[in-house]
Protein backbone atom coordinates (compact mmCIF):
# COMPACT_ATOMS: atom_id res chain seq x y z
CA UNK A 1 159.61 65.66 129.91
CA UNK A 2 157.25 65.01 132.84
CA UNK A 3 154.12 65.24 130.69
CA UNK A 4 152.59 62.69 128.33
CA UNK A 5 150.94 64.28 125.29
CA UNK A 6 148.23 62.06 123.81
CA UNK A 7 147.38 63.28 120.30
CA UNK A 8 143.81 63.86 119.21
CA UNK A 9 142.19 64.79 115.92
CA UNK A 10 144.25 67.25 113.89
CA UNK A 11 141.47 69.84 113.90
CA UNK A 12 140.25 69.47 117.49
CA UNK A 13 140.54 72.69 119.52
CA UNK A 14 140.31 70.80 122.84
CA UNK A 15 143.14 69.99 125.24
CA UNK A 16 142.33 67.86 128.29
CA UNK A 17 144.76 69.10 130.93
CA UNK A 18 145.37 66.53 133.70
CA UNK A 19 148.14 67.79 136.01
CA UNK A 20 147.45 65.98 139.30
CA UNK A 21 146.75 62.34 138.41
CA UNK A 22 150.35 61.20 138.83
CA UNK A 23 151.84 59.33 141.77
CA UNK A 24 155.44 58.91 140.58
CA UNK A 25 158.17 60.23 142.88
CA UNK A 26 161.52 60.03 141.09
CA UNK A 27 164.26 58.51 143.19
CA UNK A 28 166.47 61.59 143.27
CA UNK A 29 163.66 63.63 144.84
CA UNK A 30 162.66 61.15 147.58
CA UNK A 31 165.47 61.88 150.11
CA UNK A 32 164.34 65.49 150.33
CA UNK A 33 160.88 64.50 151.57
CA UNK A 34 160.88 64.23 155.36
CA UNK A 35 157.96 61.80 155.66
CA UNK A 36 158.48 58.07 156.05
CA UNK A 37 157.01 55.75 153.42
CA UNK A 38 153.74 55.22 155.29
CA UNK A 39 153.23 58.93 155.90
CA UNK A 40 154.06 59.80 152.30
CA UNK A 41 151.69 57.14 150.97
CA UNK A 42 148.90 58.66 153.08
CA UNK A 43 149.63 62.12 151.68
CA UNK A 44 149.66 60.85 148.10
CA UNK A 45 146.37 59.02 148.72
CA UNK A 46 144.78 62.18 150.14
CA UNK A 47 145.85 64.71 147.53
CA UNK A 48 146.23 62.94 144.19
CA UNK A 49 143.44 63.43 141.65
CA UNK A 50 143.08 59.67 141.35
CA UNK A 51 141.92 58.16 138.04
CA UNK A 52 141.43 61.54 136.36
CA UNK A 53 143.84 60.34 133.67
CA UNK A 54 141.61 57.31 133.07
CA UNK A 55 138.51 59.50 133.01
CA UNK A 56 140.15 61.79 130.44
CA UNK A 57 141.16 58.79 128.31
CA UNK A 58 137.64 57.36 128.44
CA UNK A 59 136.13 60.74 127.52
CA UNK A 60 138.53 61.09 124.60
CA UNK A 61 137.45 57.68 123.32
CA UNK A 62 133.76 58.64 123.53
CA UNK A 63 134.01 62.10 122.00
CA UNK A 64 132.78 62.69 118.47
CA UNK A 65 136.08 64.41 117.59
CA UNK A 66 138.97 63.10 119.67
CA UNK A 67 140.52 65.82 121.87
CA UNK A 68 144.19 66.12 122.72
CA UNK A 69 145.33 65.37 126.27
CA UNK A 70 148.33 66.20 128.43
CA UNK A 71 148.81 63.89 131.41
CA UNK A 72 151.25 64.39 134.28
CA UNK A 73 152.49 61.07 135.75
CA UNK A 74 154.64 62.79 138.40
CA UNK A 75 153.18 63.41 141.86
CA UNK A 76 152.32 66.93 142.88
CA UNK A 77 154.43 66.25 145.98
CA UNK A 78 157.43 66.58 143.65
CA UNK A 79 156.19 69.73 141.90
CA UNK A 80 152.70 71.14 141.51
CA UNK A 81 152.73 72.48 137.93
CA UNK A 82 149.51 74.47 138.35
CA UNK A 83 150.72 76.70 141.16
CA UNK A 84 152.93 79.74 140.98
CA UNK A 85 156.42 79.18 142.40
CA UNK A 86 156.49 82.51 144.25
CA UNK A 87 154.46 84.98 146.30
CA UNK A 88 151.80 85.24 143.58
CA UNK A 89 150.53 81.86 144.76
CA UNK A 90 147.80 82.05 147.41
CA UNK A 91 148.68 78.56 148.68
CA UNK A 92 152.17 79.75 149.61
CA UNK A 93 150.50 80.87 152.86
CA UNK A 94 150.31 77.19 153.89
CA UNK A 95 153.61 76.09 152.34
CA UNK A 96 152.00 74.70 149.19
CA UNK A 97 153.18 76.80 146.26
CA UNK A 98 154.72 74.97 143.31
CA UNK A 99 157.20 73.12 145.56
CA UNK A 100 155.45 72.07 148.75
CA UNK A 101 157.17 72.53 152.09
CA UNK A 102 154.04 71.49 154.02
CA UNK A 103 151.60 68.63 153.62
CA UNK A 104 147.83 68.30 153.76
CA UNK A 105 147.83 68.54 157.57
CA UNK A 106 150.20 71.51 157.40
CA UNK A 107 152.99 69.29 158.67
CA UNK A 108 156.59 69.83 157.62
CA UNK A 109 157.22 68.08 154.30
CA UNK A 110 160.58 69.47 153.16
CA UNK A 111 163.29 71.60 154.62
CA UNK A 112 163.94 74.87 152.84
CA UNK A 113 166.60 74.09 150.23
CA UNK A 114 166.89 76.69 147.50
CA UNK A 115 169.17 74.63 145.27
CA UNK A 116 166.90 71.59 145.37
CA UNK A 117 163.83 73.75 144.79
CA UNK A 118 165.40 75.27 141.69
CA UNK A 119 166.39 71.82 140.45
CA UNK A 120 162.78 70.62 140.83
CA UNK A 121 161.40 73.65 139.02
CA UNK A 122 163.88 73.17 136.17
CA UNK A 123 163.19 69.46 135.88
CA UNK A 124 159.39 69.49 136.14
CA UNK A 125 157.74 72.91 136.43
CA UNK A 126 159.28 74.69 133.45
CA UNK A 127 158.97 71.71 131.08
CA UNK A 128 155.31 71.24 131.98
CA UNK A 129 154.54 74.92 131.41
CA UNK A 130 156.27 74.75 128.04
CA UNK A 131 154.44 71.55 127.11
CA UNK A 132 151.04 73.13 127.84
CA UNK A 133 151.96 76.29 125.96
CA UNK A 134 153.09 74.30 122.92
CA UNK A 135 149.97 72.10 123.03
CA UNK A 136 147.77 75.19 123.17
CA UNK A 137 149.73 76.82 120.35
CA UNK A 138 149.19 73.67 118.32
CA UNK A 139 145.42 73.88 118.79
CA UNK A 140 145.46 77.57 117.87
CA UNK A 141 147.37 76.88 114.69
CA UNK A 142 145.16 73.96 113.70
CA UNK A 143 141.72 75.09 114.84
CA UNK A 144 141.97 78.86 115.35
CA UNK A 145 141.20 78.56 119.05
CA UNK A 146 142.12 76.40 122.02
CA UNK A 147 139.75 75.09 124.68
CA UNK A 148 141.61 73.86 127.76
CA UNK A 149 139.52 71.59 129.98
CA UNK A 150 141.37 71.46 133.30
CA UNK A 151 140.47 68.08 134.84
CA UNK A 152 140.74 67.62 138.62
CA UNK A 153 139.09 65.96 141.60
CA UNK A 154 138.73 66.80 145.29
CA UNK A 155 137.76 64.99 148.51
CA UNK A 156 134.24 65.07 149.90
CA UNK A 157 135.52 66.28 153.30
CA UNK A 158 137.88 69.27 153.62
CA UNK A 159 141.56 68.69 154.31
CA UNK A 160 143.35 70.91 156.85
CA UNK A 161 145.44 72.70 154.22
CA UNK A 162 142.40 74.13 152.40
CA UNK A 163 141.97 77.90 152.63
CA UNK A 164 138.31 77.99 151.58
CA UNK A 165 136.93 74.88 153.26
CA UNK A 166 133.75 76.49 154.56
CA UNK A 167 132.15 76.92 151.13
CA UNK A 168 129.91 74.50 149.23
CA UNK A 169 131.35 71.17 148.04
CA UNK A 170 129.15 70.28 145.06
CA UNK A 171 129.41 67.06 143.06
CA UNK A 172 131.14 69.12 140.38
CA UNK A 173 132.90 72.43 141.00
CA UNK A 174 133.55 74.56 137.91
CA UNK A 175 136.45 76.99 138.17
CA UNK A 176 136.45 80.01 135.90
CA UNK A 177 138.56 82.96 134.80
CA UNK A 178 137.17 86.42 134.03
CA UNK A 179 138.96 86.61 130.68
CA UNK A 180 139.30 83.02 129.49
CA UNK A 181 135.99 81.46 130.58
CA UNK A 182 133.16 82.93 128.52
CA UNK A 183 129.64 82.49 129.80
CA UNK A 184 128.74 80.05 127.02
CA UNK A 185 131.60 77.72 128.08
CA UNK A 186 130.47 77.77 131.70
CA UNK A 187 126.89 77.11 130.58
CA UNK A 188 127.98 74.20 128.39
CA UNK A 189 129.93 72.66 131.27
CA UNK A 190 127.02 73.09 133.66
CA UNK A 191 124.69 71.29 131.25
CA UNK A 192 127.18 68.53 130.48
CA UNK A 193 127.85 67.70 134.13
CA UNK A 194 124.29 68.04 135.41
CA UNK A 195 123.78 64.23 135.23
CA UNK A 196 126.71 63.77 137.66
CA UNK A 197 125.03 65.81 140.43
CA UNK A 198 125.02 69.33 141.79
CA UNK A 199 127.20 71.74 139.80
CA UNK A 200 128.73 74.71 141.59
CA UNK A 201 130.94 77.68 140.76
CA UNK A 202 134.41 78.41 142.17
CA UNK A 203 133.87 76.62 145.49
CA UNK A 204 135.74 75.09 147.17
CA UNK A 205 138.34 75.77 144.46
CA UNK A 206 138.41 78.67 142.01
CA UNK A 207 140.12 79.63 138.79
CA UNK A 208 141.50 77.61 135.91
CA UNK A 209 144.83 77.04 134.19
CA UNK A 210 145.95 79.20 131.26
CA UNK A 211 149.54 79.28 129.98
CA UNK A 212 151.22 82.50 131.08
CA UNK A 213 152.15 83.27 127.45
CA UNK A 214 148.42 83.60 126.70
CA UNK A 215 147.03 84.69 130.06
CA UNK A 216 144.97 87.85 129.94
CA UNK A 217 145.95 88.67 126.36
CA UNK A 218 144.78 85.97 123.94
CA UNK A 219 141.02 85.51 124.02
CA UNK A 220 141.28 82.65 121.54
CA UNK A 221 142.46 80.57 124.50
CA UNK A 222 139.49 79.38 126.58
CA UNK A 223 139.72 77.44 129.82
CA UNK A 224 137.52 75.99 132.53
CA UNK A 225 138.44 73.90 135.56
CA UNK A 226 136.40 70.79 136.31
CA UNK A 227 136.71 69.54 139.91
CA UNK A 228 134.91 66.22 140.48
CA UNK A 229 134.10 65.36 144.09
CA UNK A 230 135.74 62.00 144.66
CA UNK A 231 132.94 60.21 146.44
CA UNK A 232 131.04 60.45 143.15
CA UNK A 233 133.43 58.25 141.20
CA UNK A 234 135.75 56.30 143.54
CA UNK A 235 136.02 54.79 146.99
CA UNK A 236 137.76 57.46 149.01
CA UNK A 237 140.46 58.31 149.57
CA UNK A 238 142.17 56.47 146.70
CA UNK A 239 140.26 53.30 145.95
CA UNK A 240 139.00 51.76 142.75
CA UNK A 241 136.65 53.66 140.46
CA UNK A 242 132.93 53.11 140.97
CA UNK A 243 130.12 53.25 138.43
CA UNK A 244 130.17 57.01 138.82
CA UNK A 245 133.45 57.18 136.91
CA UNK A 246 131.58 56.21 133.76
CA UNK A 247 129.08 59.02 134.30
CA UNK A 248 131.89 61.52 134.78
CA UNK A 249 133.68 60.36 131.62
CA UNK A 250 130.43 60.57 129.65
CA UNK A 251 129.81 64.10 130.92
CA UNK A 252 133.34 65.16 130.00
CA UNK A 253 132.87 63.69 126.52
CA UNK A 254 129.60 65.61 126.19
CA UNK A 255 131.43 68.82 127.06
CA UNK A 256 134.14 68.06 124.51
CA UNK A 257 131.44 67.56 121.89
CA UNK A 258 129.66 70.76 122.91
CA UNK A 259 132.78 72.90 122.36
CA UNK A 260 134.07 71.12 119.24
CA UNK A 261 132.73 72.01 115.79
CA UNK A 262 131.20 69.09 113.93
CA UNK A 263 133.64 67.61 111.40
CA UNK A 264 133.09 68.63 107.79
CA UNK A 265 131.90 65.55 105.90
CA UNK A 266 133.23 66.87 102.59
């Protein structure tokens, strides 16, 4: 299993979904990456959602009712579990569907190798999708609904791979879905993250993760993406957290509290 499930309170509906914090590149996958160690380190530094796992952990500690969390320790340069593996994925246009063939500067990252691609998807993509689905099903069974908070970060300056780099880059970008992000959830997130800085909608990144088993059909599953601009909480591109990390964690905890019913004292 590539994912680490961190249990929360039995009755919490919230799942903190952290798919891009990992930097691990398993040994069997490394020979298929064409970059040398220095080049690969630069790519990992540029694209990893650094410290979002630590922010999620800090928020879980602060929350009134502890949420569940699913953390991916494996680098997105192995497999990106949030992207479609086929032509449904918009980022396939720049070689960055679930298995990247291009890097952040649109440089060649892998050769086309169907067998290796399928091995990566079987080892990391499918298990992650199943892990999220099972975690969401667990929240539905326990709490009657599931609220997936999709935790990410992004650089203050656009990278060459980005398809929508000309739009606003607020301190916090909230990504939404027409079915699974009700207005009250967006409003709660906007209020919670206001202390961090400007809060924008679907720019420079849009949408949010929902397991395919629930997508478009189960309105008990709610989701919103939270993209934190990195200069607000770390020294870019991949340095140590700054004081802003505490503000981000506090805001995330406030959102968890806002969407979690108060525990019954009786």
